[in-house]
PDB file of N, CA and C in Angstrom:
ATOM      1  N   MET A   1     -43.175  87.701 -40.042  1.00  0.00           N
ATOM      2  CA  MET A   1     -42.623  86.475 -40.678  1.00  0.00           C
ATOM      3  C   MET A   1     -43.891  85.518 -41.020  1.00  0.00           C
ATOM      4  N   GLY A   2     -43.659  84.997 -42.190  1.00  0.00           N
ATOM      5  CA  GLY A   2     -44.779  83.997 -42.734  1.00  0.00           C
ATOM      6  C   GLY A   2     -44.681  82.732 -41.933  1.00  0.00           C
ATOM      7  N   ARG A   3     -45.825  81.960 -42.036  1.00  0.00           N
ATOM      8  CA  ARG A   3     -45.887  80.733 -41.453  1.00  0.00           C
ATOM      9  C   ARG A   3     -45.258  79.677 -42.451  1.00  0.00           C
ATOM     10  N   CYS A   4     -44.493  78.692 -41.857  1.00  0.00           N
ATOM     11  CA  CYS A   4     -43.943  77.625 -42.633  1.00  0.00           C
ATOM     12  C   CYS A   4     -44.596  76.332 -42.276  1.00  0.00           C
ATOM     13  N   THR A   5     -44.757  75.541 -43.278  1.00  0.00           N
ATOM     14  CA  THR A   5     -45.554  74.231 -42.961  1.00  0.00           C
ATOM     15  C   THR A   5     -44.527  73.100 -42.585  1.00  0.00           C
ATOM     16  N   ILE A   6     -43.230  73.500 -42.462  1.00  0.00           N
ATOM     17  CA  ILE A   6     -42.281  72.385 -42.172  1.00  0.00           C
ATOM     18  C   ILE A   6     -42.172  72.222 -40.632  1.00  0.00           C
ATOM     19  N   ASP A   7     -42.286  71.013 -40.099  1.00  0.00           N
ATOM     20  CA  ASP A   7     -42.029  70.788 -38.643  1.00  0.00           C
ATOM     21  C   ASP A   7     -40.594  70.590 -38.337  1.00  0.00           C
ATOM     22  N   HIS A   8     -40.143  71.413 -37.494  1.00  0.00           N
ATOM     23  CA  HIS A   8     -38.638  71.284 -37.088  1.00  0.00           C
ATOM     24  C   HIS A   8     -38.515  70.449 -35.876  1.00  0.00           C
ATOM     25  N   THR A   9     -37.502  69.556 -36.049  1.00  0.00           N
ATOM     26  CA  THR A   9     -37.107  68.677 -34.879  1.00  0.00           C
ATOM     27  C   THR A   9     -36.429  69.407 -33.730  1.00  0.00           C
ATOM     28  N   LEU A  10     -36.425  68.872 -32.659  1.00  0.00           N
ATOM     29  CA  LEU A  10     -35.617  69.448 -31.384  1.00  0.00           C
ATOM     30  C   LEU A  10     -34.243  69.585 -31.824  1.00  0.00           C
ATOM     31  N   GLU A  11     -33.666  68.659 -32.648  1.00  0.00           N
ATOM     32  CA  GLU A  11     -32.182  68.837 -33.109  1.00  0.00           C
ATOM     33  C   GLU A  11     -32.021  69.932 -34.106  1.00  0.00           C
ATOM     34  N   ASP A  12     -33.157  70.155 -34.953  1.00  0.00           N
ATOM     35  CA  ASP A  12     -32.993  71.287 -35.880  1.00  0.00           C
ATOM     36  C   ASP A  12     -32.939  72.587 -35.133  1.00  0.00           C
ATOM     37  N   VAL A  13     -33.793  72.778 -34.192  1.00  0.00           N
ATOM     38  CA  VAL A  13     -33.792  73.962 -33.310  1.00  0.00           C
ATOM     39  C   VAL A  13     -32.522  74.179 -32.487  1.00  0.00           C
ATOM     40  N   GLN A  14     -32.014  72.965 -31.992  1.00  0.00           N
ATOM     41  CA  GLN A  14     -30.727  73.149 -31.224  1.00  0.00           C
ATOM     42  C   GLN A  14     -29.571  73.668 -32.176  1.00  0.00           C
ATOM     43  N   GLN A  15     -29.547  73.033 -33.355  1.00  0.00           N
ATOM     44  CA  GLN A  15     -28.535  73.394 -34.213  1.00  0.00           C
ATOM     45  C   GLN A  15     -28.679  74.725 -34.716  1.00  0.00           C
ATOM     46  N   LYS A  16     -29.922  75.307 -34.969  1.00  0.00           N
ATOM     47  CA  LYS A  16     -30.061  76.735 -35.322  1.00  0.00           C
ATOM     48  C   LYS A  16     -29.605  77.600 -34.147  1.00  0.00           C
ATOM     49  N   LEU A  17     -29.958  77.225 -32.972  1.00  0.00           N
ATOM     50  CA  LEU A  17     -29.509  78.094 -31.732  1.00  0.00           C
ATOM     51  C   LEU A  17     -27.932  78.076 -31.833  1.00  0.00           C
ATOM     52  N   SER A  18     -27.408  76.981 -32.075  1.00  0.00           N
ATOM     53  CA  SER A  18     -25.914  76.924 -31.943  1.00  0.00           C
ATOM     54  C   SER A  18     -25.355  77.875 -33.198  1.00  0.00           C
ATOM     55  N   GLU A  19     -25.928  77.787 -34.240  1.00  0.00           N
ATOM     56  CA  GLU A  19     -25.422  78.737 -35.383  1.00  0.00           C
ATOM     57  C   GLU A  19     -25.557  80.218 -35.114  1.00  0.00           C
ATOM     58  N   GLN A  20     -26.573  80.517 -34.436  1.00  0.00           N
ATOM     59  CA  GLN A  20     -26.848  81.887 -34.240  1.00  0.00           C
ATOM     60  C   GLN A  20     -26.448  82.539 -32.857  1.00  0.00           C
ATOM     61  N   SER A  21     -26.055  81.641 -31.900  1.00  0.00           N
ATOM     62  CA  SER A  21     -25.594  82.042 -30.632  1.00  0.00           C
ATOM     63  C   SER A  21     -24.491  83.242 -30.662  1.00  0.00           C
ATOM     64  N   ALA A  22     -23.676  83.355 -31.603  1.00  0.00           N
ATOM     65  CA  ALA A  22     -22.730  84.240 -31.637  1.00  0.00           C
ATOM     66  C   ALA A  22     -23.275  85.702 -31.778  1.00  0.00           C
ATOM     67  N   PHE A  23     -24.502  85.746 -32.198  1.00  0.00           N
ATOM     68  CA  PHE A  23     -25.188  87.004 -32.523  1.00  0.00           C
ATOM     69  C   PHE A  23     -26.217  87.393 -31.448  1.00  0.00           C
ATOM     70  N   MET A  24     -26.297  86.640 -30.409  1.00  0.00           N
ATOM     71  CA  MET A  24     -27.361  86.776 -29.325  1.00  0.00           C
ATOM     72  C   MET A  24     -26.611  86.905 -27.998  1.00  0.00           C
ATOM     73  N   SER A  25     -27.405  87.527 -27.183  1.00  0.00           N
ATOM     74  CA  SER A  25     -26.797  87.662 -25.801  1.00  0.00           C
ATOM     75  C   SER A  25     -26.523  86.330 -25.108  1.00  0.00           C
ATOM     76  N   ARG A  26     -25.635  86.113 -24.417  1.00  0.00           N
ATOM     77  CA  ARG A  26     -25.284  84.904 -23.694  1.00  0.00           C
ATOM     78  C   ARG A  26     -26.468  84.457 -22.771  1.00  0.00           C
ATOM     79  N   GLU A  27     -27.119  85.339 -22.146  1.00  0.00           N
ATOM     80  CA  GLU A  27     -28.186  85.064 -21.225  1.00  0.00           C
ATOM     81  C   GLU A  27     -29.425  84.481 -22.093  1.00  0.00           C
ATOM     82  N   LEU A  28     -29.709  84.963 -23.233  1.00  0.00           N
ATOM     83  CA  LEU A  28     -30.853  84.503 -23.991  1.00  0.00           C
ATOM     84  C   LEU A  28     -30.539  83.148 -24.575  1.00  0.00           C
ATOM     85  N   VAL A  29     -29.296  82.919 -25.044  1.00  0.00           N
ATOM     86  CA  VAL A  29     -28.852  81.668 -25.475  1.00  0.00           C
ATOM     87  C   VAL A  29     -29.046  80.533 -24.522  1.00  0.00           C
ATOM     88  N   ILE A  30     -28.653  80.898 -23.244  1.00  0.00           N
ATOM     89  CA  ILE A  30     -28.777  79.946 -22.136  1.00  0.00           C
ATOM     90  C   ILE A  30     -30.297  79.702 -21.940  1.00  0.00           C
ATOM     91  N   GLU A  31     -31.086  80.720 -21.826  1.00  0.00           N
ATOM     92  CA  GLU A  31     -32.537  80.574 -21.432  1.00  0.00           C
ATOM     93  C   GLU A  31     -33.185  79.705 -22.569  1.00  0.00           C
ATOM     94  N   VAL A  32     -32.892  79.966 -23.912  1.00  0.00           N
ATOM     95  CA  VAL A  32     -33.562  79.318 -24.959  1.00  0.00           C
ATOM     96  C   VAL A  32     -33.136  77.822 -25.025  1.00  0.00           C
ATOM     97  N   GLY A  33     -31.845  77.707 -24.757  1.00  0.00           N
ATOM     98  CA  GLY A  33     -31.269  76.299 -24.655  1.00  0.00           C
ATOM     99  C   GLY A  33     -31.816  75.519 -23.455  1.00  0.00           C
ATOM    100  N   ASP A  34     -32.006  76.215 -22.406  1.00  0.00           N
ATOM    101  CA  ASP A  34     -32.723  75.542 -21.328  1.00  0.00           C
ATOM    102  C   ASP A  34     -34.141  75.028 -21.586  1.00  0.00           C
ATOM    103  N   SER A  35     -34.710  75.940 -22.334  1.00  0.00           N
ATOM    104  CA  SER A  35     -36.264  75.621 -22.742  1.00  0.00           C
ATOM    105  C   SER A  35     -36.237  74.444 -23.644  1.00  0.00           C
ATOM    106  N   LEU A  36     -35.260  74.261 -24.416  1.00  0.00           N
ATOM    107  CA  LEU A  36     -35.183  73.198 -25.440  1.00  0.00           C
ATOM    108  C   LEU A  36     -34.920  71.816 -24.662  1.00  0.00           C
ATOM    109  N   VAL A  37     -34.125  71.928 -23.586  1.00  0.00           N
ATOM    110  CA  VAL A  37     -33.902  70.714 -23.035  1.00  0.00           C
ATOM    111  C   VAL A  37     -35.145  70.165 -22.351  1.00  0.00           C
ATOM    112  N   GLU A  38     -35.928  71.026 -21.837  1.00  0.00           N
ATOM    113  CA  GLU A  38     -37.241  70.603 -21.292  1.00  0.00           C
ATOM    114  C   GLU A  38     -38.165  70.149 -22.241  1.00  0.00           C
ATOM    115  N   GLY A  39     -37.840  70.361 -23.578  1.00  0.00           N
ATOM    116  CA  GLY A  39     -38.814  69.858 -24.647  1.00  0.00           C
ATOM    117  C   GLY A  39     -39.871  70.943 -24.908  1.00  0.00           C
ATOM    118  N   GLY A  40     -40.747  70.681 -25.679  1.00  0.00           N
ATOM    119  CA  GLY A  40     -41.930  71.459 -26.032  1.00  0.00           C
ATOM    120  C   GLY A  40     -42.570  70.918 -27.253  1.00  0.00           C
ATOM    121  N   ASP A  41     -43.878  71.263 -27.452  1.00  0.00           N
ATOM    122  CA  ASP A  41     -44.657  70.874 -28.526  1.00  0.00           C
ATOM    123  C   ASP A  41     -44.152  71.320 -29.773  1.00  0.00           C
ATOM    124  N   GLN A  42     -44.735  70.807 -30.869  1.00  0.00           N
ATOM    125  CA  GLN A  42     -44.212  71.092 -32.223  1.00  0.00           C
ATOM    126  C   GLN A  42     -44.293  72.596 -32.509  1.00  0.00           C
ATOM    127  N   GLU A  43     -45.424  73.089 -32.090  1.00  0.00           N
ATOM    128  CA  GLU A  43     -45.713  74.639 -32.518  1.00  0.00           C
ATOM    129  C   GLU A  43     -44.599  75.371 -31.745  1.00  0.00           C
ATOM    130  N   PHE A  44     -44.226  75.105 -30.603  1.00  0.00           N
ATOM    131  CA  PHE A  44     -43.095  75.747 -29.835  1.00  0.00           C
ATOM    132  C   PHE A  44     -41.845  75.610 -30.574  1.00  0.00           C
ATOM    133  N   LEU A  45     -41.530  74.286 -31.052  1.00  0.00           N
ATOM    134  CA  LEU A  45     -40.193  74.174 -31.716  1.00  0.00           C
ATOM    135  C   LEU A  45     -40.204  74.988 -32.999  1.00  0.00           C
ATOM    136  N   ASN A  46     -41.257  75.056 -33.740  1.00  0.00           N
ATOM    137  CA  ASN A  46     -41.342  75.710 -35.125  1.00  0.00           C
ATOM    138  C   ASN A  46     -41.273  77.261 -34.770  1.00  0.00           C
ATOM    139  N   GLU A  47     -41.897  77.728 -33.794  1.00  0.00           N
ATOM    140  CA  GLU A  47     -41.743  79.151 -33.580  1.00  0.00           C
ATOM    141  C   GLU A  47     -40.431  79.577 -33.184  1.00  0.00           C
ATOM    142  N   VAL A  48     -39.772  78.925 -32.236  1.00  0.00           N
ATOM    143  CA  VAL A  48     -38.405  79.194 -31.847  1.00  0.00           C
ATOM    144  C   VAL A  48     -37.356  79.039 -33.178  1.00  0.00           C
ATOM    145  N   PHE A  49     -37.582  77.956 -33.928  1.00  0.00           N
ATOM    146  CA  PHE A  49     -36.669  77.858 -35.148  1.00  0.00           C
ATOM    147  C   PHE A  49     -36.904  79.150 -36.096  1.00  0.00           C
ATOM    148  N   HIS A  50     -38.076  79.495 -36.220  1.00  0.00           N
ATOM    149  CA  HIS A  50     -38.365  80.645 -37.164  1.00  0.00           C
ATOM    150  C   HIS A  50     -37.818  82.039 -36.616  1.00  0.00           C
ATOM    151  N   LEU A  51     -37.830  82.134 -35.300  1.00  0.00           N
ATOM    152  CA  LEU A  51     -37.240  83.294 -34.651  1.00  0.00           C
ATOM    153  C   LEU A  51     -35.856  83.350 -34.728  1.00  0.00           C
ATOM    154  N   LEU A  52     -35.088  82.229 -34.736  1.00  0.00           N
ATOM    155  CA  LEU A  52     -33.701  82.102 -34.820  1.00  0.00           C
ATOM    156  C   LEU A  52     -33.258  82.164 -36.341  1.00  0.00           C
ATOM    157  N   LYS A  53     -34.127  81.761 -37.197  1.00  0.00           N
ATOM    158  CA  LYS A  53     -33.712  81.586 -38.668  1.00  0.00           C
ATOM    159  C   LYS A  53     -33.303  83.119 -39.146  1.00  0.00           C
ATOM    160  N   LYS A  54     -32.202  83.034 -39.777  1.00  0.00           N
ATOM    161  CA  LYS A  54     -31.576  84.475 -40.252  1.00  0.00           C
ATOM    162  C   LYS A  54     -31.393  85.521 -39.220  1.00  0.00           C
ATOM    163  N   TYR A  55     -31.338  85.073 -37.864  1.00  0.00           N
ATOM    164  CA  TYR A  55     -31.133  86.108 -36.876  1.00  0.00           C
ATOM    165  C   TYR A  55     -29.995  86.926 -37.149  1.00  0.00           C
ATOM    166  N   ASP A  56     -28.851  86.352 -37.620  1.00  0.00           N
ATOM    167  CA  ASP A  56     -27.705  87.113 -37.907  1.00  0.00           C
ATOM    168  C   ASP A  56     -27.833  88.135 -39.000  1.00  0.00           C
ATOM    169  N   LEU A  57     -28.860  88.085 -39.882  1.00  0.00           N
ATOM    170  CA  LEU A  57     -29.011  89.071 -40.905  1.00  0.00           C
ATOM    171  C   LEU A  57     -30.059  90.067 -40.397  1.00  0.00           C
ATOM    172  N   ALA A  58     -30.659  90.006 -39.437  1.00  0.00           N
ATOM    173  CA  ALA A  58     -31.622  90.920 -38.896  1.00  0.00           C
ATOM    174  C   ALA A  58     -31.000  92.213 -38.423  1.00  0.00           C
ATOM    175  N   ASP A  59     -31.593  93.475 -38.613  1.00  0.00           N
ATOM    176  CA  ASP A  59     -30.962  94.675 -37.923  1.00  0.00           C
ATOM    177  C   ASP A  59     -31.429  94.664 -36.475  1.00  0.00           C
ATOM    178  N   ASP A  60     -30.832  95.778 -35.773  1.00  0.00           N
ATOM    179  CA  ASP A  60     -30.990  95.648 -34.390  1.00  0.00           C
ATOM    180  C   ASP A  60     -32.490  95.726 -33.820  1.00  0.00           C
ATOM    181  N   LYS A  61     -33.226  96.578 -34.573  1.00  0.00           N
ATOM    182  CA  LYS A  61     -34.704  96.601 -34.238  1.00  0.00           C
ATOM    183  C   LYS A  61     -35.368  95.199 -34.427  1.00  0.00           C
ATOM    184  N   GLU A  62     -35.034  94.574 -35.424  1.00  0.00           N
ATOM    185  CA  GLU A  62     -35.836  93.255 -35.657  1.00  0.00           C
ATOM    186  C   GLU A  62     -35.235  92.291 -34.674  1.00  0.00           C
ATOM    187  N   ARG A  63     -33.868  92.257 -34.283  1.00  0.00           N
ATOM    188  CA  ARG A  63     -33.261  91.475 -33.310  1.00  0.00           C
ATOM    189  C   ARG A  63     -34.016  91.567 -31.850  1.00  0.00           C
ATOM    190  N   LYS A  64     -34.140  92.879 -31.538  1.00  0.00           N
ATOM    191  CA  LYS A  64     -34.850  93.096 -30.184  1.00  0.00           C
ATOM    192  C   LYS A  64     -36.249  92.633 -30.107  1.00  0.00           C
ATOM    193  N   GLU A  65     -36.982  92.718 -31.339  1.00  0.00           N
ATOM    194  CA  GLU A  65     -38.303  92.144 -31.529  1.00  0.00           C
ATOM    195  C   GLU A  65     -38.215  90.579 -31.274  1.00  0.00           C
ATOM    196  N   ARG A  66     -37.341  90.110 -31.983  1.00  0.00           N
ATOM    197  CA  ARG A  66     -37.175  88.478 -31.905  1.00  0.00           C
ATOM    198  C   ARG A  66     -36.756  88.130 -30.488  1.00  0.00           C
ATOM    199  N   ASP A  67     -35.982  88.879 -29.874  1.00  0.00           N
ATOM    200  CA  ASP A  67     -35.516  88.529 -28.492  1.00  0.00           C
ATOM    201  C   ASP A  67     -36.779  88.586 -27.628  1.00  0.00           C
ATOM    202  N   GLN A  68     -37.520  89.630 -27.639  1.00  0.00           N
ATOM    203  CA  GLN A  68     -38.693  89.728 -26.924  1.00  0.00           C
ATOM    204  C   GLN A  68     -39.655  88.578 -27.107  1.00  0.00           C
ATOM    205  N   LYS A  69     -39.921  88.168 -28.295  1.00  0.00           N
ATOM    206  CA  LYS A  69     -40.836  86.979 -28.768  1.00  0.00           C
ATOM    207  C   LYS A  69     -40.164  85.690 -28.080  1.00  0.00           C
ATOM    208  N   LEU A  70     -38.843  85.590 -28.187  1.00  0.00           N
ATOM    209  CA  LEU A  70     -38.275  84.449 -27.688  1.00  0.00           C
ATOM    210  C   LEU A  70     -38.495  84.332 -26.131  1.00  0.00           C
ATOM    211  N   LYS A  71     -38.204  85.529 -25.428  1.00  0.00           N
ATOM    212  CA  LYS A  71     -38.519  85.412 -24.022  1.00  0.00           C
ATOM    213  C   LYS A  71     -39.888  85.222 -23.618  1.00  0.00           C
ATOM    214  N   GLU A  72     -40.973  85.677 -24.352  1.00  0.00           N
ATOM    215  CA  GLU A  72     -42.183  85.330 -24.114  1.00  0.00           C
ATOM    216  C   GLU A  72     -42.586  83.844 -24.265  1.00  0.00           C
ATOM    217  N   LEU A  73     -41.961  83.285 -25.264  1.00  0.00           N
ATOM    218  CA  LEU A  73     -42.181  81.829 -25.647  1.00  0.00           C
ATOM    219  C   LEU A  73     -41.665  80.940 -24.454  1.00  0.00           C
ATOM    220  N   ILE A  74     -40.495  81.316 -23.953  1.00  0.00           N
ATOM    221  CA  ILE A  74     -39.892  80.393 -22.993  1.00  0.00           C
ATOM    222  C   ILE A  74     -40.263  80.625 -21.575  1.00  0.00           C
ATOM    223  N   LYS A  75     -41.152  81.538 -21.359  1.00  0.00           N
ATOM    224  CA  LYS A  75     -41.599  81.789 -19.884  1.00  0.00           C
ATOM    225  C   LYS A  75     -42.523  80.765 -19.541  1.00  0.00           C
TER     226      LYS A  75
END
């Protein structure tokens, strides 16, 4: 994924999570959501947003890679 120069707000990321939650495991949605409640710096918000962006269009392999990256980010 390429780097984007747009800074995404907490609300942007929460909205994107809501939009993509039907395509994700319930456990991962909760973990990502909990990490957003705790906040995060701008880089964190941008990375989470871009991992969620077009998640529904990704194939199984890509989703697994994104899931792993999300899990690493929220630890």
